[in-house]
């Protein structure tokens, strides 16, 4: 009872796993960056711009 040699299966699996891992990682990284990080950073920057404008207006009075 001979077992057929498994040829190319490891390479195909490795390439599939790497492609899926990198693809999903890239998508999730972009989702975090543009879905959470950038909106929070822009909100923080807008808050400090508004705060600085209020301080400048108060200093001119």
PDB file of N, CA and C in Angstrom:
ATOM      1  N   UNK A   1       0.847  -1.169   0.000  1.00  0.00           N
ATOM      2  CA  UNK A   1       0.000   0.000   0.000  1.00  0.00           C
ATOM      3  C   UNK A   1       0.900   1.244   0.000  1.00  0.00           C
ATOM      4  N   UNK A   2       1.117   1.763  -1.164  1.00  0.00           N
ATOM      5  CA  UNK A   2       1.987   2.918  -1.325  1.00  0.00           C
ATOM      6  C   UNK A   2       1.168   4.202  -1.188  1.00  0.00           C
ATOM      7  N   UNK A   3       1.809   5.200  -0.608  1.00  0.00           N
ATOM      8  CA  UNK A   3       1.166   6.504  -0.435  1.00  0.00           C
ATOM      9  C   UNK A   3       1.673   7.418  -1.542  1.00  0.00           C
ATOM     10  N   UNK A   4       0.744   8.107  -2.201  1.00  0.00           N
ATOM     11  CA  UNK A   4       1.130   9.031  -3.258  1.00  0.00           C
ATOM     12  C   UNK A   4       1.965  10.169  -2.666  1.00  0.00           C
ATOM     13  N   UNK A   5       3.015  10.567  -3.361  1.00  0.00           N
ATOM     14  CA  UNK A   5       3.795  11.698  -2.866  1.00  0.00           C
ATOM     15  C   UNK A   5       2.982  12.996  -2.971  1.00  0.00           C
ATOM     16  N   UNK A   6       3.141  13.823  -1.972  1.00  0.00           N
ATOM     17  CA  UNK A   6       2.444  15.110  -1.961  1.00  0.00           C
ATOM     18  C   UNK A   6       3.393  16.129  -2.586  1.00  0.00           C
ATOM     19  N   UNK A   7       3.129  16.486  -3.808  1.00  0.00           N
ATOM     20  CA  UNK A   7       4.021  17.411  -4.506  1.00  0.00           C
ATOM     21  C   UNK A   7       3.306  18.727  -4.738  1.00  0.00           C
ATOM     22  N   UNK A   8       3.964  19.799  -4.391  1.00  0.00           N
ATOM     23  CA  UNK A   8       3.428  21.129  -4.623  1.00  0.00           C
ATOM     24  C   UNK A   8       2.392  21.578  -3.617  1.00  0.00           C
ATOM     25  N   UNK A   9       1.933  20.678  -2.760  1.00  0.00           N
ATOM     26  CA  UNK A   9       0.878  21.038  -1.825  1.00  0.00           C
ATOM     27  C   UNK A   9       1.392  22.000  -0.747  1.00  0.00           C
ATOM     28  N   UNK A  10       2.603  21.739  -0.241  1.00  0.00           N
ATOM     29  CA  UNK A  10       3.156  22.610   0.793  1.00  0.00           C
ATOM     30  C   UNK A  10       3.399  24.008   0.239  1.00  0.00           C
ATOM     31  N   UNK A  11       3.942  24.076  -0.960  1.00  0.00           N
ATOM     32  CA  UNK A  11       4.227  25.369  -1.568  1.00  0.00           C
ATOM     33  C   UNK A  11       2.930  26.138  -1.821  1.00  0.00           C
ATOM     34  N   UNK A  12       1.907  25.455  -2.327  1.00  0.00           N
ATOM     35  CA  UNK A  12       0.623  26.096  -2.607  1.00  0.00           C
ATOM     36  C   UNK A  12      -0.002  26.601  -1.307  1.00  0.00           C
ATOM     37  N   UNK A  13       0.058  25.788  -0.260  1.00  0.00           N
ATOM     38  CA  UNK A  13      -0.506  26.180   1.027  1.00  0.00           C
ATOM     39  C   UNK A  13       0.249  27.365   1.614  1.00  0.00           C
ATOM     40  N   UNK A  14       1.578  27.333   1.497  1.00  0.00           N
ATOM     41  CA  UNK A  14       2.390  28.426   2.028  1.00  0.00           C
ATOM     42  C   UNK A  14       2.080  29.733   1.307  1.00  0.00           C
ATOM     43  N   UNK A  15       2.000  29.683   0.007  1.00  0.00           N
ATOM     44  CA  UNK A  15       1.707  30.891  -0.772  1.00  0.00           C
ATOM     45  C   UNK A  15       0.308  31.406  -0.440  1.00  0.00           C
ATOM     46  N   UNK A  16      -0.648  30.508  -0.319  1.00  0.00           N
ATOM     47  CA  UNK A  16      -2.019  30.914   0.032  1.00  0.00           C
ATOM     48  C   UNK A  16      -2.062  31.547   1.417  1.00  0.00           C
ATOM     49  N   UNK A  17      -1.390  30.917   2.384  1.00  0.00           N
ATOM     50  CA  UNK A  17      -1.386  31.457   3.743  1.00  0.00           C
ATOM     51  C   UNK A  17      -0.719  32.823   3.801  1.00  0.00           C
ATOM     52  N   UNK A  18       0.407  32.968   3.127  1.00  0.00           N
ATOM     53  CA  UNK A  18       1.090  34.265   3.111  1.00  0.00           C
ATOM     54  C   UNK A  18       0.245  35.340   2.432  1.00  0.00           C
ATOM     55  N   UNK A  19      -0.352  34.997   1.310  1.00  0.00           N
ATOM     56  CA  UNK A  19      -1.168  35.974   0.588  1.00  0.00           C
ATOM     57  C   UNK A  19      -2.370  36.398   1.424  1.00  0.00           C
ATOM     58  N   UNK A  20      -3.038  35.438   2.042  1.00  0.00           N
ATOM     59  CA  UNK A  20      -4.192  35.777   2.877  1.00  0.00           C
ATOM     60  C   UNK A  20      -3.774  36.588   4.100  1.00  0.00           C
ATOM     61  N   UNK A  21      -2.694  36.184   4.737  1.00  0.00           N
ATOM     62  CA  UNK A  21      -2.233  36.898   5.918  1.00  0.00           C
ATOM     63  C   UNK A  21      -1.850  38.335   5.618  1.00  0.00           C
ATOM     64  N   UNK A  22      -1.081  38.529   4.547  1.00  0.00           N
ATOM     65  CA  UNK A  22      -0.681  39.883   4.176  1.00  0.00           C
ATOM     66  C   UNK A  22      -1.873  40.707   3.700  1.00  0.00           C
ATOM     67  N   UNK A  23      -2.755  40.096   2.939  1.00  0.00           N
ATOM     68  CA  UNK A  23      -3.932  40.816   2.440  1.00  0.00           C
ATOM     69  C   UNK A  23      -4.852  41.250   3.563  1.00  0.00           C
ATOM     70  N   UNK A  24      -5.158  40.321   4.464  1.00  0.00           N
ATOM     71  CA  UNK A  24      -6.033  40.652   5.591  1.00  0.00           C
ATOM     72  C   UNK A  24      -5.358  41.660   6.517  1.00  0.00           C
ATOM     73  N   UNK A  25      -4.045  41.504   6.718  1.00  0.00           N
ATOM     74  CA  UNK A  25      -3.314  42.463   7.550  1.00  0.00           C
ATOM     75  C   UNK A  25      -3.342  43.861   6.961  1.00  0.00           C
ATOM     76  N   UNK A  26      -3.173  43.966   5.664  1.00  0.00           N
ATOM     77  CA  UNK A  26      -3.208  45.263   4.990  1.00  0.00           C
ATOM     78  C   UNK A  26      -4.586  45.902   5.106  1.00  0.00           C
ATOM     79  N   UNK A  27      -5.623  45.113   4.888  1.00  0.00           N
ATOM     80  CA  UNK A  27      -7.000  45.631   4.965  1.00  0.00           C
ATOM     81  C   UNK A  27      -7.309  46.085   6.398  1.00  0.00           C
ATOM     82  N   UNK A  28      -6.962  45.269   7.382  1.00  0.00           N
ATOM     83  CA  UNK A  28      -7.254  45.630   8.772  1.00  0.00           C
ATOM     84  C   UNK A  28      -6.418  46.830   9.225  1.00  0.00           C
ATOM     85  N   UNK A  29      -5.173  46.917   8.757  1.00  0.00           N
ATOM     86  CA  UNK A  29      -4.345  48.076   9.072  1.00  0.00           C
ATOM     87  C   UNK A  29      -4.940  49.358   8.523  1.00  0.00           C
ATOM     88  N   UNK A  30      -5.412  49.313   7.280  1.00  0.00           N
ATOM     89  CA  UNK A  30      -6.050  50.495   6.692  1.00  0.00           C
ATOM     90  C   UNK A  30      -7.359  50.828   7.392  1.00  0.00           C
ATOM     91  N   UNK A  31      -8.110  49.798   7.783  1.00  0.00           N
ATOM     92  CA  UNK A  31      -9.366  50.047   8.495  1.00  0.00           C
ATOM     93  C   UNK A  31      -9.091  50.745   9.818  1.00  0.00           C
ATOM     94  N   UNK A  32      -8.061  50.319  10.539  1.00  0.00           N
ATOM     95  CA  UNK A  32      -7.707  50.986  11.793  1.00  0.00           C
ATOM     96  C   UNK A  32      -7.224  52.408  11.528  1.00  0.00           C
ATOM     97  N   UNK A  33      -6.332  52.558  10.543  1.00  0.00           N
ATOM     98  CA  UNK A  33      -5.699  53.859  10.320  1.00  0.00           C
ATOM     99  C   UNK A  33      -6.719  54.909   9.877  1.00  0.00           C
ATOM    100  N   UNK A  34      -7.525  54.555   8.878  1.00  0.00           N
ATOM    101  CA  UNK A  34      -8.464  55.539   8.331  1.00  0.00           C
ATOM    102  C   UNK A  34      -9.826  55.513   9.017  1.00  0.00           C
ATOM    103  N   UNK A  35     -10.144  54.466   9.751  1.00  0.00           N
ATOM    104  CA  UNK A  35     -11.434  54.379  10.421  1.00  0.00           C
ATOM    105  C   UNK A  35     -11.396  54.845  11.861  1.00  0.00           C
ATOM    106  N   UNK A  36     -10.222  54.743  12.518  1.00  0.00           N
ATOM    107  CA  UNK A  36     -10.129  55.124  13.925  1.00  0.00           C
ATOM    108  C   UNK A  36      -9.052  56.184  14.162  1.00  0.00           C
ATOM    109  N   UNK A  37      -7.842  55.914  13.720  1.00  0.00           N
ATOM    110  CA  UNK A  37      -6.721  56.792  14.054  1.00  0.00           C
ATOM    111  C   UNK A  37      -6.863  58.193  13.460  1.00  0.00           C
ATOM    112  N   UNK A  38      -7.109  58.273  12.153  1.00  0.00           N
ATOM    113  CA  UNK A  38      -7.168  59.587  11.511  1.00  0.00           C
ATOM    114  C   UNK A  38      -8.345  60.439  12.009  1.00  0.00           C
ATOM    115  N   UNK A  39      -9.555  59.893  12.177  1.00  0.00           N
ATOM    116  CA  UNK A  39     -10.628  60.729  12.723  1.00  0.00           C
ATOM    117  C   UNK A  39     -10.321  61.238  14.132  1.00  0.00           C
ATOM    118  N   UNK A  40      -9.711  60.390  14.977  1.00  0.00           N
ATOM    119  CA  UNK A  40      -9.375  60.832  16.329  1.00  0.00           C
ATOM    120  C   UNK A  40      -8.288  61.898  16.297  1.00  0.00           C
ATOM    121  N   UNK A  41      -7.302  61.734  15.414  1.00  0.00           N
ATOM    122  CA  UNK A  41      -6.224  62.713  15.291  1.00  0.00           C
ATOM    123  C   UNK A  41      -6.772  64.044  14.782  1.00  0.00           C
ATOM    124  N   UNK A  42      -7.652  63.999  13.795  1.00  0.00           N
ATOM    125  CA  UNK A  42      -8.240  65.236  13.279  1.00  0.00           C
ATOM    126  C   UNK A  42      -9.110  65.915  14.334  1.00  0.00           C
ATOM    127  N   UNK A  43      -9.851  65.142  15.110  1.00  0.00           N
ATOM    128  CA  UNK A  43     -10.675  65.731  16.167  1.00  0.00           C
ATOM    129  C   UNK A  43      -9.796  66.400  17.218  1.00  0.00           C
ATOM    130  N   UNK A  44      -8.687  65.754  17.580  1.00  0.00           N
ATOM    131  CA  UNK A  44      -7.768  66.334  18.552  1.00  0.00           C
ATOM    132  C   UNK A  44      -7.148  67.618  18.014  1.00  0.00           C
ATOM    133  N   UNK A  45      -6.698  67.580  16.759  1.00  0.00           N
ATOM    134  CA  UNK A  45      -6.084  68.767  16.166  1.00  0.00           C
ATOM    135  C   UNK A  45      -7.081  69.913  16.070  1.00  0.00           C
ATOM    136  N   UNK A  46      -8.328  69.627  15.684  1.00  0.00           N
ATOM    137  CA  UNK A  46      -9.355  70.672  15.609  1.00  0.00           C
ATOM    138  C   UNK A  46      -9.641  71.263  16.980  1.00  0.00           C
ATOM    139  N   UNK A  47      -9.623  70.430  18.018  1.00  0.00           N
ATOM    140  CA  UNK A  47      -9.846  70.920  19.377  1.00  0.00           C
ATOM    141  C   UNK A  47      -8.750  71.906  19.773  1.00  0.00           C
ATOM    142  N   UNK A  48      -7.500  71.542  19.501  1.00  0.00           N
ATOM    143  CA  UNK A  48      -6.406  72.429  19.879  1.00  0.00           C
ATOM    144  C   UNK A  48      -6.364  73.690  19.033  1.00  0.00           C
ATOM    145  N   UNK A  49      -6.780  73.615  17.774  1.00  0.00           N
ATOM    146  CA  UNK A  49      -6.864  74.818  16.938  1.00  0.00           C
ATOM    147  C   UNK A  49      -7.926  75.760  17.507  1.00  0.00           C
ATOM    148  N   UNK A  50      -9.084  75.199  17.882  1.00  0.00           N
ATOM    149  CA  UNK A  50     -10.154  76.012  18.465  1.00  0.00           C
ATOM    150  C   UNK A  50      -9.706  76.619  19.793  1.00  0.00           C
ATOM    151  N   UNK A  51      -9.027  75.835  20.619  1.00  0.00           N
ATOM    152  CA  UNK A  51      -8.550  76.317  21.912  1.00  0.00           C
ATOM    153  C   UNK A  51      -7.542  77.450  21.732  1.00  0.00           C
ATOM    154  N   UNK A  52      -6.643  77.307  20.775  1.00  0.00           N
ATOM    155  CA  UNK A  52      -5.649  78.344  20.519  1.00  0.00           C
ATOM    156  C   UNK A  52      -6.308  79.621  19.983  1.00  0.00           C
ATOM    157  N   UNK A  53      -7.342  79.483  19.154  1.00  0.00           N
ATOM    158  CA  UNK A  53      -8.059  80.656  18.636  1.00  0.00           C
ATOM    159  C   UNK A  53      -8.773  81.374  19.771  1.00  0.00           C
ATOM    160  N   UNK A  54      -9.365  80.623  20.715  1.00  0.00           N
ATOM    161  CA  UNK A  54     -10.010  81.250  21.874  1.00  0.00           C
ATOM    162  C   UNK A  54      -8.997  81.977  22.740  1.00  0.00           C
ATOM    163  N   UNK A  55      -7.852  81.385  22.937  1.00  0.00           N
ATOM    164  CA  UNK A  55      -6.800  82.045  23.739  1.00  0.00           C
ATOM    165  C   UNK A  55      -6.298  83.302  23.057  1.00  0.00           C
ATOM    166  N   UNK A  56      -6.137  83.247  21.729  1.00  0.00           N
ATOM    167  CA  UNK A  56      -5.679  84.428  20.996  1.00  0.00           C
ATOM    168  C   UNK A  56      -6.728  85.532  21.037  1.00  0.00           C
ATOM    169  N   UNK A  57      -8.004  85.167  20.942  1.00  0.00           N
ATOM    170  CA  UNK A  57      -9.058  86.177  21.002  1.00  0.00           C
ATOM    171  C   UNK A  57      -9.133  86.793  22.386  1.00  0.00           C
ATOM    172  N   UNK A  58      -8.938  85.978  23.420  1.00  0.00           N
ATOM    173  CA  UNK A  58      -8.978  86.480  24.800  1.00  0.00           C
ATOM    174  C   UNK A  58      -7.762  87.383  25.069  1.00  0.00           C
ATOM    175  N   UNK A  59      -6.615  87.082  24.461  1.00  0.00           N
ATOM    176  CA  UNK A  59      -5.415  87.875  24.675  1.00  0.00           C
ATOM    177  C   UNK A  59      -5.504  89.232  23.987  1.00  0.00           C
ATOM    178  N   UNK A  60      -6.289  89.338  22.921  1.00  0.00           N
ATOM    179  CA  UNK A  60      -6.418  90.613  22.203  1.00  0.00           C
ATOM    180  C   UNK A  60      -7.393  91.570  22.868  1.00  0.00           C
ATOM    181  N   UNK A  61      -8.218  91.068  23.762  1.00  0.00           N
ATOM    182  CA  UNK A  61      -9.207  91.939  24.416  1.00  0.00           C
ATOM    183  C   UNK A  61      -8.581  92.838  25.413  1.00  0.00           C
TER     184      UNK A  61
END
